[in-house]
Amino acid sequence: MFRIKWGRPDRPHQNKREVHVTEDYILSAAEKRALKDEQKEIEHNIKEAESGVGTGTKRSVDVGYLKQRANRLGEQIQKGSPGIMSGGDEANLSRESKELSESIKEGMPTVDEMRRPEKHPGAIEKHMAWEKRNYQKIMRFKQINRRLHPEDPTTSNIERLRRER
């Protein structure tokens, strides 16, 4: 369904975090914001290095790598954006989201069970089993809702579906 890999397979000595976004993965608002912030910081560092201002100079900073990294971040942001949907696609996704939410709610531990597991023996095992059974549905639900409501950071939170008691 989707894949995120952290790290640089081509440069294992660098501890930089990099998200490899596949075609069907939609970035959350927080992920998109973090990538944009990192891109702005890299572009700022490039300008400083090229102008000779700051602690790094052209000789001490690999400007080519920084430009490549900034371009790669831009591509990841573009790939992770939902794009434009037709009305029919939006209606189908909305219907699928409702169906998935109903399916996910079945057997989902309540808020009370999750907040007070000492009062509900077996609540933790129940939650773990429920999560294992519904993992693919949960991931699909999150992706659909990120596509339908890209700017809402809480849209893919399954805790909204949890009953109180």
N, C-alpha and C. Protein backbone atom coordinates (compact mmCIF):
# COMPACT_ATOMS: atom_id res chain seq x y z
N MET A 1 0.83 -1.19 0.00
CA MET A 1 0.00 0.00 0.00
C MET A 1 0.88 1.26 0.00
N PHE A 2 1.72 1.44 0.98
CA PHE A 2 2.63 2.57 0.99
C PHE A 2 3.89 2.19 1.73
N ARG A 3 4.92 2.98 1.53
CA ARG A 3 6.19 2.66 2.16
C ARG A 3 6.90 3.95 2.51
N ILE A 4 7.45 4.00 3.69
CA ILE A 4 8.31 5.10 4.08
C ILE A 4 9.62 4.48 4.56
N LYS A 5 10.71 4.93 4.02
CA LYS A 5 12.01 4.45 4.48
C LYS A 5 12.78 5.64 5.02
N TRP A 6 13.39 5.47 6.16
CA TRP A 6 14.20 6.52 6.75
C TRP A 6 15.66 6.18 6.51
N GLY A 7 16.46 7.18 6.25
CA GLY A 7 17.88 6.96 6.09
C GLY A 7 18.30 7.14 4.64
N ARG A 8 19.58 7.09 4.42
CA ARG A 8 20.14 7.26 3.10
C ARG A 8 20.83 5.97 2.69
N PRO A 9 20.24 5.14 1.85
CA PRO A 9 20.87 3.89 1.48
C PRO A 9 22.18 4.11 0.71
N ASP A 10 22.29 5.22 -0.04
CA ASP A 10 23.50 5.48 -0.81
C ASP A 10 24.60 6.12 0.02
N ARG A 11 24.27 6.69 1.18
CA ARG A 11 25.25 7.31 2.06
C ARG A 11 24.96 6.91 3.50
N PRO A 12 25.30 5.67 3.88
CA PRO A 12 24.95 5.21 5.23
C PRO A 12 25.69 5.96 6.34
N HIS A 13 26.80 6.63 5.99
CA HIS A 13 27.55 7.34 7.02
C HIS A 13 26.86 8.63 7.46
N GLN A 14 25.88 9.09 6.69
CA GLN A 14 25.16 10.30 7.06
C GLN A 14 23.88 9.92 7.78
N ASN A 15 23.62 10.56 8.89
CA ASN A 15 22.41 10.26 9.66
C ASN A 15 21.30 11.24 9.33
N LYS A 16 21.10 11.51 8.07
CA LYS A 16 20.01 12.39 7.65
C LYS A 16 18.75 11.56 7.50
N ARG A 17 17.61 12.14 7.84
CA ARG A 17 16.33 11.46 7.65
C ARG A 17 15.79 11.83 6.29
N GLU A 18 15.39 10.83 5.55
CA GLU A 18 14.82 11.07 4.23
C GLU A 18 13.61 10.18 4.05
N VAL A 19 12.55 10.77 3.57
CA VAL A 19 11.33 10.01 3.33
C VAL A 19 11.29 9.66 1.86
N HIS A 20 11.16 8.37 1.54
CA HIS A 20 10.98 7.93 0.16
C HIS A 20 9.48 7.72 -0.02
N VAL A 21 8.86 8.60 -0.76
CA VAL A 21 7.41 8.57 -0.92
C VAL A 21 7.06 7.78 -2.18
N THR A 22 6.23 6.78 -2.03
CA THR A 22 5.76 6.02 -3.19
C THR A 22 4.56 6.74 -3.78
N GLU A 23 4.13 6.29 -4.94
CA GLU A 23 3.07 6.99 -5.68
C GLU A 23 1.76 7.11 -4.91
N ASP A 24 1.39 6.09 -4.14
CA ASP A 24 0.07 6.10 -3.52
C ASP A 24 0.09 6.57 -2.07
N TYR A 25 1.20 7.12 -1.60
CA TYR A 25 1.27 7.61 -0.24
C TYR A 25 1.02 9.11 -0.22
N ILE A 26 0.03 9.54 0.55
CA ILE A 26 -0.28 10.96 0.69
C ILE A 26 0.31 11.45 2.00
N LEU A 27 1.10 12.50 1.92
CA LEU A 27 1.73 13.06 3.12
C LEU A 27 0.69 13.73 4.00
N SER A 28 0.87 13.61 5.31
CA SER A 28 0.00 14.35 6.22
C SER A 28 0.44 15.81 6.19
N ALA A 29 -0.38 16.68 6.75
CA ALA A 29 -0.06 18.11 6.77
C ALA A 29 1.24 18.36 7.54
N ALA A 30 1.45 17.64 8.63
CA ALA A 30 2.68 17.81 9.42
C ALA A 30 3.90 17.33 8.65
N GLU A 31 3.78 16.21 7.94
CA GLU A 31 4.91 15.71 7.14
C GLU A 31 5.25 16.68 6.02
N LYS A 32 4.22 17.20 5.37
CA LYS A 32 4.44 18.15 4.29
C LYS A 32 5.09 19.43 4.80
N ARG A 33 4.62 19.92 5.96
CA ARG A 33 5.19 21.12 6.56
C ARG A 33 6.66 20.91 6.93
N ALA A 34 6.98 19.74 7.49
CA ALA A 34 8.36 19.44 7.87
C ALA A 34 9.27 19.38 6.64
N LEU A 35 8.80 18.78 5.57
CA LEU A 35 9.60 18.71 4.35
C LEU A 35 9.81 20.10 3.74
N LYS A 36 8.76 20.93 3.76
CA LYS A 36 8.90 22.29 3.23
C LYS A 36 9.87 23.12 4.07
N ASP A 37 9.80 22.96 5.41
CA ASP A 37 10.73 23.67 6.29
C ASP A 37 12.17 23.25 6.01
N GLU A 38 12.37 21.95 5.83
CA GLU A 38 13.72 21.45 5.54
C GLU A 38 14.21 21.98 4.20
N GLN A 39 13.32 22.02 3.22
CA GLN A 39 13.69 22.54 1.91
C GLN A 39 14.08 24.01 1.99
N LYS A 40 13.32 24.81 2.74
CA LYS A 40 13.64 26.23 2.91
C LYS A 40 15.00 26.41 3.59
N GLU A 41 15.26 25.59 4.60
CA GLU A 41 16.54 25.67 5.32
C GLU A 41 17.70 25.33 4.39
N ILE A 42 17.54 24.32 3.57
CA ILE A 42 18.60 23.93 2.63
C ILE A 42 18.82 25.05 1.60
N GLU A 43 17.74 25.62 1.09
CA GLU A 43 17.88 26.72 0.12
C GLU A 43 18.57 27.92 0.74
N HIS A 44 18.28 28.19 2.01
CA HIS A 44 18.95 29.28 2.73
C HIS A 44 20.44 28.97 2.85
N ASN A 45 20.79 27.72 3.17
CA ASN A 45 22.19 27.33 3.29
C ASN A 45 22.91 27.44 1.95
N ILE A 46 22.23 27.13 0.86
CA ILE A 46 22.83 27.25 -0.47
C ILE A 46 23.15 28.72 -0.76
N LYS A 47 22.19 29.60 -0.47
CA LYS A 47 22.42 31.03 -0.71
C LYS A 47 23.59 31.54 0.12
N GLU A 48 23.66 31.13 1.38
CA GLU A 48 24.77 31.55 2.24
C GLU A 48 26.10 31.05 1.69
N ALA A 49 26.15 29.80 1.27
CA ALA A 49 27.40 29.22 0.76
C ALA A 49 27.83 29.89 -0.53
N GLU A 50 26.88 30.18 -1.41
CA GLU A 50 27.22 30.80 -2.68
C GLU A 50 27.64 32.26 -2.53
N SER A 51 27.11 32.94 -1.53
CA SER A 51 27.48 34.34 -1.33
C SER A 51 28.70 34.49 -0.43
N GLY A 52 29.15 33.41 0.19
CA GLY A 52 30.32 33.47 1.07
C GLY A 52 30.00 33.98 2.46
N VAL A 53 28.73 34.15 2.76
CA VAL A 53 28.31 34.62 4.07
C VAL A 53 28.06 33.41 4.96
N GLY A 54 28.32 33.54 6.23
CA GLY A 54 28.04 32.45 7.16
C GLY A 54 29.26 31.59 7.42
N THR A 55 29.04 30.48 8.08
CA THR A 55 30.16 29.64 8.50
C THR A 55 30.66 28.75 7.36
N GLY A 56 29.84 28.45 6.38
CA GLY A 56 30.25 27.58 5.29
C GLY A 56 30.61 28.38 4.06
N THR A 57 31.57 27.93 3.30
CA THR A 57 31.92 28.55 2.03
C THR A 57 31.72 27.51 0.95
N LYS A 58 31.95 27.92 -0.30
CA LYS A 58 31.76 26.98 -1.41
C LYS A 58 32.68 25.77 -1.27
N ARG A 59 33.84 25.99 -0.69
CA ARG A 59 34.80 24.88 -0.57
C ARG A 59 34.40 23.90 0.53
N SER A 60 33.83 24.41 1.62
CA SER A 60 33.53 23.53 2.74
C SER A 60 32.13 22.92 2.69
N VAL A 61 31.28 23.43 1.80
CA VAL A 61 29.91 22.94 1.69
C VAL A 61 29.70 22.38 0.29
N ASP A 62 29.13 21.20 0.22
CA ASP A 62 28.83 20.57 -1.07
C ASP A 62 27.52 21.16 -1.59
N VAL A 63 27.62 22.26 -2.31
CA VAL A 63 26.45 22.98 -2.81
C VAL A 63 25.66 22.11 -3.79
N GLY A 64 26.36 21.34 -4.60
CA GLY A 64 25.69 20.46 -5.55
C GLY A 64 24.79 19.45 -4.85
N TYR A 65 25.31 18.88 -3.77
CA TYR A 65 24.50 17.92 -3.01
C TYR A 65 23.30 18.62 -2.38
N LEU A 66 23.51 19.83 -1.85
CA LEU A 66 22.40 20.56 -1.23
C LEU A 66 21.31 20.88 -2.26
N LYS A 67 21.73 21.27 -3.46
CA LYS A 67 20.74 21.55 -4.52
C LYS A 67 19.99 20.28 -4.90
N GLN A 68 20.72 19.18 -5.00
CA GLN A 68 20.09 17.90 -5.31
C GLN A 68 19.09 17.52 -4.23
N ARG A 69 19.49 17.72 -2.98
CA ARG A 69 18.62 17.39 -1.84
C ARG A 69 17.36 18.26 -1.85
N ALA A 70 17.52 19.56 -2.12
CA ALA A 70 16.36 20.46 -2.17
C ALA A 70 15.41 20.06 -3.29
N ASN A 71 15.97 19.69 -4.45
CA ASN A 71 15.12 19.24 -5.56
C ASN A 71 14.39 17.95 -5.21
N ARG A 72 15.08 17.03 -4.54
CA ARG A 72 14.46 15.76 -4.15
C ARG A 72 13.33 16.01 -3.16
N LEU A 73 13.53 16.94 -2.23
CA LEU A 73 12.46 17.27 -1.29
C LEU A 73 11.24 17.84 -2.02
N GLY A 74 11.49 18.70 -3.00
CA GLY A 74 10.40 19.25 -3.80
C GLY A 74 9.63 18.17 -4.53
N GLU A 75 10.35 17.18 -5.07
CA GLU A 75 9.69 16.06 -5.74
C GLU A 75 8.86 15.24 -4.77
N GLN A 76 9.39 15.03 -3.56
CA GLN A 76 8.65 14.26 -2.56
C GLN A 76 7.38 14.98 -2.13
N ILE A 77 7.46 16.28 -1.98
CA ILE A 77 6.28 17.07 -1.63
C ILE A 77 5.25 16.97 -2.74
N GLN A 78 5.72 17.07 -3.99
CA GLN A 78 4.81 16.98 -5.14
C GLN A 78 4.16 15.61 -5.23
N LYS A 79 4.96 14.54 -5.06
CA LYS A 79 4.42 13.17 -5.11
C LYS A 79 3.44 12.91 -3.98
N GLY A 80 3.70 13.49 -2.81
CA GLY A 80 2.88 13.24 -1.63
C GLY A 80 1.66 14.12 -1.54
N SER A 81 1.46 15.01 -2.52
CA SER A 81 0.27 15.86 -2.53
C SER A 81 -0.86 15.13 -3.25
N PRO A 82 -2.09 15.33 -2.81
CA PRO A 82 -3.20 14.54 -3.36
C PRO A 82 -3.56 14.85 -4.80
N GLY A 83 -3.31 16.03 -5.28
CA GLY A 83 -3.70 16.35 -6.65
C GLY A 83 -5.18 16.67 -6.76
N ILE A 84 -5.63 16.84 -7.98
CA ILE A 84 -7.02 17.21 -8.24
C ILE A 84 -7.83 15.95 -8.51
N MET A 85 -8.99 15.87 -7.87
CA MET A 85 -9.88 14.72 -8.06
C MET A 85 -11.14 15.16 -8.79
N SER A 86 -11.70 14.23 -9.52
CA SER A 86 -12.99 14.51 -10.16
C SER A 86 -14.08 14.29 -9.12
N GLY A 87 -15.26 14.77 -9.40
CA GLY A 87 -16.38 14.63 -8.47
C GLY A 87 -16.74 13.17 -8.20
N GLY A 88 -16.66 12.36 -9.24
CA GLY A 88 -16.97 10.93 -9.08
C GLY A 88 -15.96 10.23 -8.19
N ASP A 89 -14.67 10.56 -8.38
CA ASP A 89 -13.62 9.97 -7.54
C ASP A 89 -13.81 10.37 -6.09
N GLU A 90 -14.14 11.64 -5.88
CA GLU A 90 -14.33 12.14 -4.52
C GLU A 90 -15.52 11.44 -3.85
N ALA A 91 -16.59 11.26 -4.58
CA ALA A 91 -17.77 10.57 -4.03
C ALA A 91 -17.45 9.12 -3.71
N ASN A 92 -16.72 8.45 -4.60
CA ASN A 92 -16.33 7.06 -4.36
C ASN A 92 -15.43 6.94 -3.14
N LEU A 93 -14.46 7.84 -3.03
CA LEU A 93 -13.56 7.80 -1.87
C LEU A 93 -14.31 8.11 -0.58
N SER A 94 -15.23 9.05 -0.65
CA SER A 94 -16.02 9.38 0.54
C SER A 94 -16.86 8.18 0.99
N ARG A 95 -17.47 7.51 0.03
CA ARG A 95 -18.26 6.32 0.35
C ARG A 95 -17.36 5.22 0.94
N GLU A 96 -16.19 5.02 0.34
CA GLU A 96 -15.27 4.00 0.84
C GLU A 96 -14.79 4.35 2.25
N SER A 97 -14.57 5.63 2.50
CA SER A 97 -14.15 6.07 3.83
C SER A 97 -15.21 5.76 4.88
N LYS A 98 -16.47 6.01 4.54
CA LYS A 98 -17.56 5.71 5.48
C LYS A 98 -17.66 4.21 5.74
N GLU A 99 -17.54 3.42 4.68
CA GLU A 99 -17.58 1.96 4.84
C GLU A 99 -16.43 1.47 5.71
N LEU A 100 -15.24 2.00 5.45
CA LEU A 100 -14.08 1.60 6.25
C LEU A 100 -14.22 2.02 7.71
N SER A 101 -14.76 3.22 7.94
CA SER A 101 -14.91 3.67 9.33
C SER A 101 -15.86 2.75 10.09
N GLU A 102 -16.93 2.33 9.43
CA GLU A 102 -17.87 1.41 10.08
C GLU A 102 -17.20 0.06 10.35
N SER A 103 -16.44 -0.40 9.39
CA SER A 103 -15.75 -1.68 9.55
C SER A 103 -14.68 -1.61 10.64
N ILE A 104 -13.97 -0.49 10.71
CA ILE A 104 -12.92 -0.31 11.70
C ILE A 104 -13.50 -0.24 13.11
N LYS A 105 -14.67 0.37 13.26
CA LYS A 105 -15.30 0.52 14.57
C LYS A 105 -15.67 -0.82 15.20
N GLU A 106 -15.94 -1.83 14.36
CA GLU A 106 -16.33 -3.14 14.88
C GLU A 106 -15.20 -3.75 15.70
N GLY A 107 -15.47 -4.01 16.96
CA GLY A 107 -14.49 -4.62 17.84
C GLY A 107 -13.45 -3.67 18.38
N MET A 108 -13.56 -2.39 18.06
CA MET A 108 -12.60 -1.39 18.54
C MET A 108 -12.83 -1.15 20.03
N PRO A 109 -11.78 -1.25 20.85
CA PRO A 109 -11.95 -0.97 22.28
C PRO A 109 -12.44 0.46 22.51
N THR A 110 -13.23 0.66 23.55
CA THR A 110 -13.78 1.98 23.84
C THR A 110 -12.72 2.88 24.46
N VAL A 111 -13.05 4.16 24.56
CA VAL A 111 -12.16 5.13 25.19
C VAL A 111 -11.92 4.73 26.64
N ASP A 112 -12.97 4.33 27.32
CA ASP A 112 -12.84 3.94 28.72
C ASP A 112 -11.90 2.74 28.88
N GLU A 113 -12.02 1.77 28.00
CA GLU A 113 -11.13 0.60 28.06
C GLU A 113 -9.68 1.00 27.83
N MET A 114 -9.46 1.96 26.96
CA MET A 114 -8.09 2.36 26.63
C MET A 114 -7.50 3.26 27.73
N ARG A 115 -8.31 4.10 28.34
CA ARG A 115 -7.80 4.99 29.39
C ARG A 115 -7.56 4.26 30.70
N ARG A 116 -8.38 3.27 30.99
CA ARG A 116 -8.28 2.56 32.27
C ARG A 116 -8.18 1.05 32.04
N PRO A 117 -7.05 0.59 31.54
CA PRO A 117 -6.93 -0.85 31.28
C PRO A 117 -6.94 -1.70 32.55
N GLU A 118 -6.63 -1.06 33.70
CA GLU A 118 -6.65 -1.83 34.96
C GLU A 118 -8.07 -2.21 35.36
N LYS A 119 -9.06 -1.46 34.91
CA LYS A 119 -10.46 -1.78 35.22
C LYS A 119 -11.05 -2.76 34.19
N HIS A 120 -10.34 -2.95 33.10
CA HIS A 120 -10.83 -3.82 32.02
C HIS A 120 -9.74 -4.84 31.68
N PRO A 121 -9.71 -5.95 32.40
CA PRO A 121 -8.70 -6.97 32.12
C PRO A 121 -8.78 -7.44 30.67
N GLY A 122 -7.64 -7.54 30.04
CA GLY A 122 -7.59 -7.99 28.65
C GLY A 122 -7.77 -6.88 27.64
N ALA A 123 -7.89 -5.63 28.07
CA ALA A 123 -8.13 -4.53 27.14
C ALA A 123 -6.93 -4.32 26.20
N ILE A 124 -5.74 -4.49 26.74
CA ILE A 124 -4.54 -4.27 25.92
C ILE A 124 -4.44 -5.35 24.84
N GLU A 125 -4.68 -6.60 25.22
CA GLU A 125 -4.65 -7.69 24.25
C GLU A 125 -5.77 -7.51 23.21
N LYS A 126 -6.93 -7.04 23.68
CA LYS A 126 -8.05 -6.81 22.77
C LYS A 126 -7.67 -5.74 21.74
N HIS A 127 -7.04 -4.67 22.21
CA HIS A 127 -6.63 -3.59 21.30
C HIS A 127 -5.58 -4.09 20.30
N MET A 128 -4.60 -4.82 20.79
CA MET A 128 -3.54 -5.32 19.90
C MET A 128 -4.10 -6.27 18.84
N ALA A 129 -5.01 -7.14 19.23
CA ALA A 129 -5.64 -8.06 18.28
C ALA A 129 -6.49 -7.29 17.27
N TRP A 130 -7.25 -6.32 17.76
CA TRP A 130 -8.08 -5.49 16.88
C TRP A 130 -7.21 -4.75 15.87
N GLU A 131 -6.12 -4.16 16.35
CA GLU A 131 -5.24 -3.40 15.47
C GLU A 131 -4.58 -4.30 14.42
N LYS A 132 -4.19 -5.49 14.81
CA LYS A 132 -3.58 -6.44 13.88
C LYS A 132 -4.59 -6.86 12.80
N ARG A 133 -5.83 -7.12 13.21
CA ARG A 133 -6.88 -7.52 12.26
C ARG A 133 -7.22 -6.42 11.26
N ASN A 134 -7.16 -5.17 11.72
CA ASN A 134 -7.65 -4.05 10.91
C ASN A 134 -6.54 -3.16 10.35
N TYR A 135 -5.30 -3.61 10.40
CA TYR A 135 -4.18 -2.76 10.00
C TYR A 135 -4.34 -2.22 8.58
N GLN A 136 -4.61 -3.10 7.63
CA GLN A 136 -4.75 -2.66 6.23
C GLN A 136 -5.92 -1.69 6.05
N LYS A 137 -7.03 -1.94 6.73
CA LYS A 137 -8.19 -1.05 6.66
C LYS A 137 -7.85 0.32 7.24
N ILE A 138 -7.13 0.33 8.37
CA ILE A 138 -6.75 1.59 9.01
C ILE A 138 -5.86 2.41 8.08
N MET A 139 -4.87 1.77 7.47
CA MET A 139 -3.96 2.48 6.57
C MET A 139 -4.71 3.03 5.35
N ARG A 140 -5.62 2.25 4.82
CA ARG A 140 -6.42 2.71 3.67
C ARG A 140 -7.31 3.88 4.09
N PHE A 141 -7.94 3.78 5.27
CA PHE A 141 -8.78 4.86 5.79
C PHE A 141 -7.97 6.15 5.93
N LYS A 142 -6.76 6.04 6.45
CA LYS A 142 -5.91 7.23 6.62
C LYS A 142 -5.56 7.86 5.27
N GLN A 143 -5.18 7.02 4.30
CA GLN A 143 -4.82 7.55 2.99
C GLN A 143 -6.00 8.22 2.29
N ILE A 144 -7.15 7.61 2.37
CA ILE A 144 -8.35 8.20 1.74
C ILE A 144 -8.66 9.55 2.37
N ASN A 145 -8.64 9.62 3.69
CA ASN A 145 -8.98 10.88 4.35
C ASN A 145 -7.91 11.94 4.15
N ARG A 146 -6.66 11.55 4.01
CA ARG A 146 -5.63 12.54 3.67
C ARG A 146 -5.86 13.08 2.27
N ARG A 147 -6.33 12.23 1.38
CA ARG A 147 -6.62 12.67 0.01
C ARG A 147 -7.85 13.58 -0.02
N LEU A 148 -8.89 13.24 0.76
CA LEU A 148 -10.11 14.03 0.76
C LEU A 148 -9.95 15.36 1.48
N HIS A 149 -9.19 15.37 2.57
CA HIS A 149 -9.02 16.58 3.40
C HIS A 149 -7.54 16.81 3.68
N PRO A 150 -6.77 17.26 2.69
CA PRO A 150 -5.31 17.32 2.84
C PRO A 150 -4.82 18.32 3.89
N GLU A 151 -5.58 19.35 4.18
CA GLU A 151 -5.10 20.36 5.12
C GLU A 151 -5.53 20.12 6.57
N ASP A 152 -6.39 19.14 6.79
CA ASP A 152 -6.85 18.84 8.14
C ASP A 152 -5.93 17.81 8.79
N PRO A 153 -5.16 18.21 9.81
CA PRO A 153 -4.20 17.27 10.42
C PRO A 153 -4.86 16.15 11.21
N THR A 154 -6.12 16.29 11.59
CA THR A 154 -6.78 15.26 12.40
C THR A 154 -7.65 14.32 11.59
N THR A 155 -7.70 14.52 10.30
CA THR A 155 -8.63 13.75 9.47
C THR A 155 -8.31 12.26 9.45
N SER A 156 -7.05 11.90 9.59
CA SER A 156 -6.69 10.49 9.52
C SER A 156 -6.52 9.85 10.89
N ASN A 157 -6.91 10.55 11.93
CA ASN A 157 -6.79 10.03 13.29
C ASN A 157 -7.95 9.09 13.58
N ILE A 158 -7.65 7.82 13.80
CA ILE A 158 -8.72 6.85 14.03
C ILE A 158 -9.32 6.98 15.42
N GLU A 159 -8.71 7.73 16.30
CA GLU A 159 -9.29 7.94 17.64
C GLU A 159 -10.62 8.67 17.55
N ARG A 160 -10.87 9.37 16.45
CA ARG A 160 -12.16 10.04 16.26
C ARG A 160 -13.29 9.03 16.16
N LEU A 161 -12.95 7.79 15.77
CA LEU A 161 -13.96 6.76 15.58
C LEU A 161 -14.28 6.02 16.86
N ARG A 162 -13.43 6.14 17.86
CA ARG A 162 -13.57 5.35 19.10
C ARG A 162 -14.77 5.81 19.91
N ARG A 163 -15.60 4.82 20.37
CA ARG A 163 -16.76 5.13 21.21
C ARG A 163 -16.31 5.46 22.63
N GLU A 164 -17.12 6.23 23.36
CA GLU A 164 -16.79 6.57 24.76
C GLU A 164 -16.93 5.36 25.66
N ARG A 165 -18.05 4.66 25.58
CA ARG A 165 -18.29 3.49 26.45
C ARG A 165 -18.88 2.35 25.69
